[in-house]
């Protein structure tokens, strides 16, 4: 029970952190023609090769589904994803650069991304950190480099491509 409570607490922190990220920055979305477990392996490999350290891995859909009897969320996963996972990661060198150019912007690190699975396809969503640049041109340069580094690592995933529009997305009726 303690393990589940810790996981739900981590999920709550991550959700609040993610919502703040979404509100603060544009989203980079990439479609991968692979199921989530294969996409995750590629993400781990590419982030590691680019110098990032994985801090936390969460199976969000499974965690919430496991608590659904208690939470009773109406219309949970109405869009029918088969898997939703999150990764929190950081490049220690980028973190140091952010601290040294404008320390509050270091809140942009650790970085996070979420992978949504539907059948044999995965969608990677990364909230870009350029909104953390403040008025400092040096800091803007660092945050843009952070975004470019993450996006470059994601673009190395086989059978992936950036999406500018989510195909077939229809928001559920309120």
N, C-alpha and C. Protein backbone atom coordinates (compact mmCIF):
# COMPACT_ATOMS: atom_id res chain seq x y z
N UNK A 1 0.81 -1.18 0.00
CA UNK A 1 0.00 0.00 0.00
C UNK A 1 0.87 1.27 0.00
N UNK A 2 1.98 1.23 0.76
CA UNK A 2 2.89 2.38 0.80
C UNK A 2 3.47 2.63 -0.58
N UNK A 3 3.75 1.55 -1.30
CA UNK A 3 4.33 1.67 -2.64
C UNK A 3 3.34 2.35 -3.59
N UNK A 4 2.06 1.96 -3.49
CA UNK A 4 1.03 2.57 -4.33
C UNK A 4 0.86 4.04 -3.96
N UNK A 5 0.85 4.34 -2.67
CA UNK A 5 0.71 5.73 -2.22
C UNK A 5 1.88 6.57 -2.72
N UNK A 6 3.09 6.03 -2.67
CA UNK A 6 4.26 6.75 -3.17
C UNK A 6 4.15 6.98 -4.67
N UNK A 7 3.68 5.97 -5.38
CA UNK A 7 3.53 6.10 -6.84
C UNK A 7 2.48 7.14 -7.19
N UNK A 8 1.37 7.13 -6.47
CA UNK A 8 0.31 8.12 -6.72
C UNK A 8 0.81 9.52 -6.36
N UNK A 9 1.59 9.64 -5.28
CA UNK A 9 2.16 10.94 -4.91
C UNK A 9 3.10 11.43 -5.99
N UNK A 10 3.95 10.54 -6.49
CA UNK A 10 4.87 10.90 -7.57
C UNK A 10 4.08 11.30 -8.81
N UNK A 11 3.02 10.57 -9.09
CA UNK A 11 2.18 10.88 -10.23
C UNK A 11 1.55 12.25 -10.07
N UNK A 12 1.08 12.56 -8.87
CA UNK A 12 0.48 13.87 -8.61
C UNK A 12 1.49 14.98 -8.83
N UNK A 13 2.70 14.81 -8.31
CA UNK A 13 3.76 15.79 -8.52
C UNK A 13 4.04 15.96 -9.99
N UNK A 14 4.18 14.83 -10.68
CA UNK A 14 4.49 14.86 -12.10
C UNK A 14 3.38 15.54 -12.89
N UNK A 15 2.12 15.25 -12.53
CA UNK A 15 0.99 15.84 -13.23
C UNK A 15 0.98 17.36 -13.05
N UNK A 16 1.18 17.83 -11.83
CA UNK A 16 1.22 19.27 -11.58
C UNK A 16 2.38 19.89 -12.34
N UNK A 17 3.54 19.25 -12.30
CA UNK A 17 4.72 19.74 -13.01
C UNK A 17 4.44 19.78 -14.50
N UNK A 18 3.81 18.74 -15.05
CA UNK A 18 3.51 18.68 -16.47
C UNK A 18 2.52 19.74 -16.89
N UNK A 19 1.50 19.98 -16.06
CA UNK A 19 0.52 21.01 -16.38
C UNK A 19 1.20 22.37 -16.43
N UNK A 20 2.11 22.61 -15.50
CA UNK A 20 2.84 23.87 -15.51
C UNK A 20 3.67 23.98 -16.78
N UNK A 21 4.27 22.87 -17.20
CA UNK A 21 5.06 22.87 -18.42
C UNK A 21 4.19 23.17 -19.64
N UNK A 22 3.04 22.53 -19.72
CA UNK A 22 2.15 22.70 -20.86
C UNK A 22 1.70 24.15 -20.95
N UNK A 23 1.37 24.75 -19.82
CA UNK A 23 0.91 26.13 -19.82
C UNK A 23 2.03 27.09 -20.18
N UNK A 24 3.26 26.72 -19.88
CA UNK A 24 4.38 27.62 -20.06
C UNK A 24 5.04 27.54 -21.43
N UNK A 25 4.82 26.49 -22.18
CA UNK A 25 5.61 26.32 -23.39
C UNK A 25 4.83 25.59 -24.47
N UNK A 26 5.29 25.77 -25.72
CA UNK A 26 4.68 25.02 -26.81
C UNK A 26 5.02 23.53 -26.70
N UNK A 27 4.24 22.72 -27.37
CA UNK A 27 4.46 21.28 -27.33
C UNK A 27 5.08 20.79 -28.62
N UNK A 28 6.06 19.92 -28.48
CA UNK A 28 6.64 19.21 -29.61
C UNK A 28 6.00 17.82 -29.59
N UNK A 29 5.38 17.41 -30.70
CA UNK A 29 4.71 16.11 -30.77
C UNK A 29 5.30 15.31 -31.92
N UNK A 30 5.64 14.07 -31.62
CA UNK A 30 6.23 13.18 -32.62
C UNK A 30 5.45 11.87 -32.63
N UNK A 31 5.15 11.38 -33.83
CA UNK A 31 4.49 10.09 -33.96
C UNK A 31 5.54 9.05 -34.32
N UNK A 32 5.44 7.89 -33.68
CA UNK A 32 6.36 6.78 -33.94
C UNK A 32 5.52 5.57 -34.31
N UNK A 33 5.86 4.94 -35.41
CA UNK A 33 5.12 3.76 -35.87
C UNK A 33 5.62 2.50 -35.18
N UNK A 34 5.65 2.55 -33.86
CA UNK A 34 6.06 1.43 -33.02
C UNK A 34 5.17 1.42 -31.78
N UNK A 35 4.95 0.26 -31.17
CA UNK A 35 4.20 0.24 -29.91
C UNK A 35 5.02 0.91 -28.80
N UNK A 36 4.35 1.27 -27.73
CA UNK A 36 4.98 2.04 -26.65
C UNK A 36 6.23 1.36 -26.11
N UNK A 37 6.20 0.05 -25.83
CA UNK A 37 7.38 -0.59 -25.22
C UNK A 37 8.61 -0.45 -26.12
N UNK A 38 8.44 -0.54 -27.44
CA UNK A 38 9.57 -0.37 -28.36
C UNK A 38 10.00 1.09 -28.43
N UNK A 39 9.04 1.99 -28.43
CA UNK A 39 9.34 3.42 -28.46
C UNK A 39 10.11 3.82 -27.20
N UNK A 40 9.69 3.30 -26.05
CA UNK A 40 10.37 3.63 -24.80
C UNK A 40 11.83 3.19 -24.83
N UNK A 41 12.08 2.00 -25.36
CA UNK A 41 13.46 1.51 -25.46
C UNK A 41 14.30 2.45 -26.33
N UNK A 42 13.72 2.92 -27.42
CA UNK A 42 14.42 3.85 -28.31
C UNK A 42 14.66 5.19 -27.61
N UNK A 43 13.67 5.67 -26.90
CA UNK A 43 13.82 6.94 -26.18
C UNK A 43 14.94 6.83 -25.15
N UNK A 44 14.93 5.78 -24.34
CA UNK A 44 15.98 5.60 -23.33
C UNK A 44 17.35 5.59 -23.98
N UNK A 45 17.49 4.83 -25.04
CA UNK A 45 18.77 4.70 -25.74
C UNK A 45 19.23 6.04 -26.30
N UNK A 46 18.32 6.75 -26.97
CA UNK A 46 18.69 8.02 -27.60
C UNK A 46 18.97 9.12 -26.58
N UNK A 47 18.19 9.17 -25.52
CA UNK A 47 18.46 10.18 -24.48
C UNK A 47 19.80 9.90 -23.81
N UNK A 48 20.06 8.64 -23.51
CA UNK A 48 21.35 8.27 -22.90
C UNK A 48 22.51 8.65 -23.81
N UNK A 49 22.39 8.34 -25.10
CA UNK A 49 23.45 8.67 -26.06
C UNK A 49 23.67 10.17 -26.17
N UNK A 50 22.63 10.96 -25.91
CA UNK A 50 22.74 12.42 -25.98
C UNK A 50 23.17 13.04 -24.65
N UNK A 51 23.48 12.21 -23.64
CA UNK A 51 24.00 12.71 -22.38
C UNK A 51 22.97 12.97 -21.29
N UNK A 52 21.76 12.49 -21.49
CA UNK A 52 20.71 12.69 -20.49
C UNK A 52 20.68 11.52 -19.51
N UNK A 53 20.32 11.83 -18.28
CA UNK A 53 20.16 10.82 -17.24
C UNK A 53 18.66 10.67 -16.96
N UNK A 54 18.18 9.43 -16.98
CA UNK A 54 16.78 9.16 -16.67
C UNK A 54 16.61 9.20 -15.15
N UNK A 55 15.72 10.05 -14.67
CA UNK A 55 15.50 10.23 -13.24
C UNK A 55 14.31 9.42 -12.75
N UNK A 56 13.26 9.34 -13.56
CA UNK A 56 12.03 8.68 -13.14
C UNK A 56 11.28 8.15 -14.35
N UNK A 57 10.70 6.96 -14.20
CA UNK A 57 9.86 6.34 -15.23
C UNK A 57 8.52 6.02 -14.58
N UNK A 58 7.44 6.46 -15.22
CA UNK A 58 6.10 6.20 -14.68
C UNK A 58 5.20 5.59 -15.74
N UNK A 59 4.45 4.58 -15.34
CA UNK A 59 3.42 4.02 -16.20
C UNK A 59 2.11 4.65 -15.72
N UNK A 60 1.82 5.83 -16.23
CA UNK A 60 0.72 6.65 -15.72
C UNK A 60 -0.63 5.94 -15.86
N UNK A 61 -0.90 5.40 -17.03
CA UNK A 61 -2.20 4.77 -17.25
C UNK A 61 -2.43 3.62 -16.28
N UNK A 62 -1.41 2.79 -16.10
CA UNK A 62 -1.52 1.64 -15.20
C UNK A 62 -1.70 2.09 -13.74
N UNK A 63 -0.97 3.13 -13.33
CA UNK A 63 -1.09 3.63 -11.96
C UNK A 63 -2.50 4.13 -11.67
N UNK A 64 -3.04 4.90 -12.60
CA UNK A 64 -4.38 5.45 -12.37
C UNK A 64 -5.44 4.37 -12.49
N UNK A 65 -5.30 3.48 -13.46
CA UNK A 65 -6.26 2.38 -13.59
C UNK A 65 -6.30 1.54 -12.31
N UNK A 66 -5.13 1.35 -11.70
CA UNK A 66 -5.04 0.58 -10.46
C UNK A 66 -5.76 1.25 -9.30
N UNK A 67 -5.93 2.55 -9.37
CA UNK A 67 -6.60 3.30 -8.31
C UNK A 67 -8.02 3.73 -8.69
N UNK A 68 -8.50 3.28 -9.84
CA UNK A 68 -9.78 3.75 -10.35
C UNK A 68 -10.95 3.43 -9.42
N UNK A 69 -10.90 2.30 -8.71
CA UNK A 69 -11.98 1.98 -7.76
C UNK A 69 -12.07 3.04 -6.67
N UNK A 70 -10.93 3.56 -6.25
CA UNK A 70 -10.90 4.59 -5.21
C UNK A 70 -11.16 5.97 -5.80
N UNK A 71 -10.51 6.27 -6.92
CA UNK A 71 -10.60 7.61 -7.50
C UNK A 71 -11.94 7.89 -8.18
N UNK A 72 -12.49 6.88 -8.83
CA UNK A 72 -13.78 7.00 -9.53
C UNK A 72 -13.81 8.19 -10.48
N UNK A 73 -12.82 8.27 -11.36
CA UNK A 73 -12.75 9.36 -12.33
C UNK A 73 -13.76 9.08 -13.43
N UNK A 74 -14.72 9.98 -13.64
CA UNK A 74 -15.71 9.74 -14.70
C UNK A 74 -15.04 9.82 -16.08
N UNK A 75 -15.43 8.95 -16.96
CA UNK A 75 -14.92 8.92 -18.33
C UNK A 75 -13.40 8.85 -18.40
N UNK A 76 -12.79 8.13 -17.46
CA UNK A 76 -11.33 8.01 -17.49
C UNK A 76 -10.89 7.38 -18.81
N UNK A 77 -9.94 7.99 -19.46
CA UNK A 77 -9.37 7.54 -20.74
C UNK A 77 -10.46 7.34 -21.79
N UNK A 78 -11.29 8.33 -21.96
CA UNK A 78 -12.38 8.27 -22.94
C UNK A 78 -11.86 8.18 -24.37
N UNK A 79 -10.59 8.56 -24.58
CA UNK A 79 -10.02 8.49 -25.94
C UNK A 79 -9.32 7.16 -26.19
N UNK A 80 -9.35 6.27 -25.21
CA UNK A 80 -8.91 4.88 -25.34
C UNK A 80 -7.45 4.69 -25.74
N UNK A 81 -6.55 5.23 -24.93
CA UNK A 81 -5.14 4.93 -25.12
C UNK A 81 -4.86 3.55 -24.55
N UNK A 82 -3.93 2.84 -25.15
CA UNK A 82 -3.57 1.51 -24.65
C UNK A 82 -2.45 1.59 -23.63
N UNK A 83 -1.72 2.71 -23.61
CA UNK A 83 -0.59 2.88 -22.71
C UNK A 83 -0.26 4.37 -22.62
N UNK A 84 0.10 4.85 -21.45
CA UNK A 84 0.59 6.22 -21.28
C UNK A 84 1.72 6.15 -20.27
N UNK A 85 2.90 6.58 -20.71
CA UNK A 85 4.08 6.54 -19.84
C UNK A 85 4.77 7.89 -19.83
N UNK A 86 5.47 8.16 -18.75
CA UNK A 86 6.19 9.41 -18.61
C UNK A 86 7.63 9.14 -18.21
N UNK A 87 8.49 10.04 -18.65
CA UNK A 87 9.91 9.97 -18.31
C UNK A 87 10.34 11.34 -17.81
N UNK A 88 11.06 11.36 -16.71
CA UNK A 88 11.69 12.57 -16.21
C UNK A 88 13.18 12.37 -16.38
N UNK A 89 13.85 13.34 -16.99
CA UNK A 89 15.27 13.18 -17.31
C UNK A 89 15.98 14.53 -17.23
N UNK A 90 17.30 14.49 -17.18
CA UNK A 90 18.08 15.72 -17.04
C UNK A 90 19.47 15.53 -17.63
N UNK A 91 19.97 16.59 -18.23
CA UNK A 91 21.37 16.62 -18.64
C UNK A 91 22.08 17.50 -17.61
N UNK A 92 22.99 16.93 -16.83
CA UNK A 92 23.63 17.71 -15.76
C UNK A 92 24.35 18.96 -16.27
N UNK A 93 24.90 18.91 -17.48
CA UNK A 93 25.60 20.06 -18.04
C UNK A 93 24.62 21.18 -18.39
N UNK A 94 23.47 20.80 -18.96
CA UNK A 94 22.44 21.80 -19.25
C UNK A 94 21.93 22.43 -17.96
N UNK A 95 21.73 21.61 -16.93
CA UNK A 95 21.27 22.11 -15.63
C UNK A 95 22.26 23.15 -15.10
N UNK A 96 23.54 22.85 -15.18
CA UNK A 96 24.57 23.78 -14.71
C UNK A 96 24.55 25.08 -15.51
N UNK A 97 24.38 24.97 -16.82
CA UNK A 97 24.31 26.18 -17.67
C UNK A 97 23.10 27.03 -17.29
N UNK A 98 21.97 26.38 -17.04
CA UNK A 98 20.77 27.13 -16.64
C UNK A 98 20.99 27.82 -15.29
N UNK A 99 21.61 27.11 -14.35
CA UNK A 99 21.90 27.72 -13.05
C UNK A 99 22.79 28.95 -13.20
N UNK A 100 23.77 28.86 -14.07
CA UNK A 100 24.77 29.91 -14.21
C UNK A 100 24.30 31.10 -15.03
N UNK A 101 23.32 30.92 -15.92
CA UNK A 101 22.86 32.06 -16.73
C UNK A 101 21.71 32.81 -16.05
N UNK A 102 20.77 32.09 -15.49
CA UNK A 102 19.64 32.71 -14.78
C UNK A 102 19.04 31.61 -13.92
N UNK A 103 19.45 31.53 -12.65
CA UNK A 103 19.17 30.36 -11.83
C UNK A 103 17.70 29.96 -11.75
N UNK A 104 16.69 30.88 -11.74
CA UNK A 104 15.30 30.40 -11.68
C UNK A 104 14.91 29.53 -12.89
N UNK A 105 15.60 29.73 -14.01
CA UNK A 105 15.28 28.93 -15.20
C UNK A 105 15.69 27.47 -15.04
N UNK A 106 16.49 27.17 -14.02
CA UNK A 106 16.87 25.78 -13.78
C UNK A 106 15.65 24.94 -13.38
N UNK A 107 14.52 25.60 -13.11
CA UNK A 107 13.27 24.87 -12.86
C UNK A 107 12.84 24.11 -14.11
N UNK A 108 13.39 24.46 -15.25
CA UNK A 108 13.08 23.75 -16.50
C UNK A 108 13.70 22.36 -16.51
N UNK A 109 14.65 22.14 -15.63
CA UNK A 109 15.30 20.83 -15.54
C UNK A 109 15.02 20.29 -14.15
N UNK A 110 14.52 19.11 -13.94
CA UNK A 110 14.53 18.05 -14.92
C UNK A 110 13.45 18.24 -16.00
N UNK A 111 13.76 17.67 -17.13
CA UNK A 111 12.87 17.69 -18.28
C UNK A 111 11.90 16.52 -18.18
N UNK A 112 10.82 16.59 -18.90
CA UNK A 112 9.90 15.46 -18.91
C UNK A 112 9.25 15.33 -20.28
N UNK A 113 8.84 14.13 -20.58
CA UNK A 113 8.05 13.89 -21.78
C UNK A 113 7.08 12.77 -21.46
N UNK A 114 6.02 12.71 -22.24
CA UNK A 114 4.99 11.69 -22.05
C UNK A 114 4.80 10.96 -23.36
N UNK A 115 4.65 9.64 -23.28
CA UNK A 115 4.43 8.81 -24.46
C UNK A 115 3.03 8.20 -24.35
N UNK A 116 2.22 8.48 -25.35
CA UNK A 116 0.85 7.97 -25.42
C UNK A 116 0.82 6.86 -26.46
N UNK A 117 0.25 5.72 -26.11
CA UNK A 117 0.17 4.59 -27.04
C UNK A 117 -1.24 4.29 -27.45
N UNK A 118 -1.38 4.01 -28.73
CA UNK A 118 -2.67 3.58 -29.25
C UNK A 118 -2.35 2.51 -30.29
N UNK A 119 -2.55 1.24 -29.90
CA UNK A 119 -2.24 0.14 -30.80
C UNK A 119 -0.76 0.07 -31.10
N UNK A 120 -0.42 0.04 -32.37
CA UNK A 120 0.97 -0.07 -32.81
C UNK A 120 1.64 1.29 -33.02
N UNK A 121 1.01 2.37 -32.57
CA UNK A 121 1.56 3.72 -32.72
C UNK A 121 1.79 4.36 -31.36
N UNK A 122 2.81 5.20 -31.31
CA UNK A 122 3.12 5.96 -30.10
C UNK A 122 3.22 7.43 -30.46
N UNK A 123 2.86 8.26 -29.51
CA UNK A 123 2.96 9.71 -29.68
C UNK A 123 3.78 10.25 -28.52
N UNK A 124 4.89 10.90 -28.85
CA UNK A 124 5.78 11.48 -27.84
C UNK A 124 5.44 12.97 -27.73
N UNK A 125 5.20 13.44 -26.52
CA UNK A 125 4.88 14.85 -26.31
C UNK A 125 5.92 15.43 -25.33
N UNK A 126 6.58 16.49 -25.79
CA UNK A 126 7.61 17.17 -24.99
C UNK A 126 7.26 18.65 -24.92
N UNK A 127 7.14 19.19 -23.71
CA UNK A 127 6.90 20.63 -23.53
C UNK A 127 8.21 21.38 -23.63
N UNK A 128 8.33 22.20 -24.67
CA UNK A 128 9.58 22.93 -24.90
C UNK A 128 9.85 23.92 -23.76
N UNK A 129 11.13 24.11 -23.44
CA UNK A 129 11.53 24.91 -22.29
C UNK A 129 11.91 26.35 -22.64
N UNK A 130 11.79 26.74 -23.88
CA UNK A 130 12.20 28.08 -24.28
C UNK A 130 11.44 29.18 -23.54
N UNK A 131 10.26 28.87 -23.02
CA UNK A 131 9.48 29.86 -22.27
C UNK A 131 10.17 30.25 -20.96
N UNK A 132 11.15 29.47 -20.52
CA UNK A 132 11.86 29.76 -19.28
C UNK A 132 13.01 30.75 -19.47
N UNK A 133 13.17 31.27 -20.65
CA UNK A 133 14.35 32.06 -20.98
C UNK A 133 14.43 33.40 -20.26
N UNK A 134 13.35 33.93 -19.78
CA UNK A 134 13.29 35.26 -19.18
C UNK A 134 13.72 36.30 -20.22
N UNK A 135 14.26 37.41 -19.77
CA UNK A 135 14.69 38.45 -20.70
C UNK A 135 16.17 38.34 -21.03
N UNK A 136 16.81 37.32 -20.56
CA UNK A 136 18.25 37.16 -20.76
C UNK A 136 18.53 36.48 -22.09
N UNK A 137 19.30 37.13 -22.95
CA UNK A 137 19.63 36.52 -24.24
C UNK A 137 20.52 35.30 -24.05
N UNK A 138 21.40 35.34 -23.04
CA UNK A 138 22.25 34.17 -22.76
C UNK A 138 21.40 33.00 -22.32
N UNK A 139 20.41 33.27 -21.48
CA UNK A 139 19.54 32.20 -21.00
C UNK A 139 18.66 31.68 -22.13
N UNK A 140 18.19 32.56 -23.00
CA UNK A 140 17.38 32.13 -24.14
C UNK A 140 18.18 31.18 -25.02
N UNK A 141 19.45 31.48 -25.19
CA UNK A 141 20.33 30.63 -26.00
C UNK A 141 20.45 29.23 -25.37
N UNK A 142 20.58 29.19 -24.04
CA UNK A 142 20.70 27.91 -23.33
C UNK A 142 19.41 27.11 -23.43
N UNK A 143 18.25 27.75 -23.16
CA UNK A 143 16.99 27.00 -23.20
C UNK A 143 16.67 26.52 -24.61
N UNK A 144 17.01 27.31 -25.62
CA UNK A 144 16.80 26.86 -27.00
C UNK A 144 17.71 25.68 -27.32
N UNK A 145 18.94 25.70 -26.80
CA UNK A 145 19.86 24.58 -27.00
C UNK A 145 19.34 23.32 -26.30
N UNK A 146 18.74 23.48 -25.12
CA UNK A 146 18.15 22.35 -24.40
C UNK A 146 17.06 21.73 -25.27
N UNK A 147 16.14 22.56 -25.78
CA UNK A 147 15.06 22.06 -26.63
C UNK A 147 15.60 21.37 -27.88
N UNK A 148 16.56 21.99 -28.52
CA UNK A 148 17.14 21.40 -29.74
C UNK A 148 17.78 20.05 -29.44
N UNK A 149 18.46 19.94 -28.30
CA UNK A 149 19.11 18.68 -27.93
C UNK A 149 18.12 17.56 -27.70
N UNK A 150 17.03 17.86 -26.98
CA UNK A 150 16.01 16.84 -26.72
C UNK A 150 15.33 16.45 -28.03
N UNK A 151 14.94 17.43 -28.82
CA UNK A 151 14.23 17.15 -30.07
C UNK A 151 15.13 16.37 -31.03
N UNK A 152 16.40 16.71 -31.08
CA UNK A 152 17.33 15.97 -31.94
C UNK A 152 17.41 14.50 -31.50
N UNK A 153 17.47 14.27 -30.20
CA UNK A 153 17.52 12.89 -29.69
C UNK A 153 16.25 12.14 -30.06
N UNK A 154 15.10 12.80 -29.95
CA UNK A 154 13.83 12.15 -30.29
C UNK A 154 13.72 11.87 -31.79
N UNK A 155 14.26 12.75 -32.60
CA UNK A 155 14.17 12.58 -34.05
C UNK A 155 15.03 11.42 -34.56
N UNK A 156 15.90 10.90 -33.72
CA UNK A 156 16.73 9.76 -34.10
C UNK A 156 15.98 8.43 -34.00
N UNK A 157 14.78 8.46 -33.45
CA UNK A 157 13.99 7.24 -33.29
C UNK A 157 13.52 6.78 -34.66
N UNK A 158 13.76 5.50 -34.99
CA UNK A 158 13.31 5.00 -36.29
C UNK A 158 11.79 5.10 -36.43
N UNK A 159 11.34 5.34 -37.63
CA UNK A 159 9.92 5.40 -37.97
C UNK A 159 9.19 6.49 -37.18
N UNK A 160 9.87 7.62 -36.97
CA UNK A 160 9.24 8.73 -36.25
C UNK A 160 9.19 9.96 -37.14
N UNK A 161 8.22 10.82 -36.84
CA UNK A 161 8.11 12.08 -37.56
C UNK A 161 7.35 13.07 -36.69
N UNK A 162 7.71 14.34 -36.84
CA UNK A 162 7.05 15.40 -36.08
C UNK A 162 5.64 15.60 -36.61
N UNK A 163 4.71 15.82 -35.70
CA UNK A 163 3.33 16.11 -36.08
C UNK A 163 3.03 17.58 -35.79
N UNK A 164 2.38 18.22 -36.73
CA UNK A 164 1.95 19.60 -36.50
C UNK A 164 0.47 19.65 -36.16
N UNK A 165 -0.21 18.55 -36.43
CA UNK A 165 -1.63 18.42 -36.11
C UNK A 165 -1.87 16.97 -35.69
N UNK A 166 -2.63 16.77 -34.65
CA UNK A 166 -2.93 15.41 -34.20
C UNK A 166 -4.02 14.85 -35.11
N UNK A 167 -3.71 13.80 -35.88
CA UNK A 167 -4.70 13.27 -36.83
C UNK A 167 -5.87 12.61 -36.13
N UNK A 168 -7.07 12.88 -36.64
CA UNK A 168 -8.26 12.22 -36.12
C UNK A 168 -8.63 12.60 -34.71
N UNK A 169 -8.03 13.66 -34.16
CA UNK A 169 -8.33 14.03 -32.78
C UNK A 169 -9.65 14.78 -32.72
N UNK A 170 -10.54 14.25 -31.97
CA UNK A 170 -11.81 14.91 -31.69
C UNK A 170 -11.97 14.89 -30.18
N UNK A 171 -12.03 16.05 -29.59
CA UNK A 171 -12.17 16.12 -28.14
C UNK A 171 -13.52 15.54 -27.72
N UNK A 172 -13.55 14.75 -26.65
CA UNK A 172 -14.82 14.22 -26.17
C UNK A 172 -15.76 15.34 -25.75
N UNK A 173 -17.04 15.11 -25.89
CA UNK A 173 -18.04 16.11 -25.48
C UNK A 173 -17.95 16.34 -23.98
N UNK A 174 -18.12 17.57 -23.60
CA UNK A 174 -18.02 17.92 -22.16
C UNK A 174 -19.24 17.49 -21.39
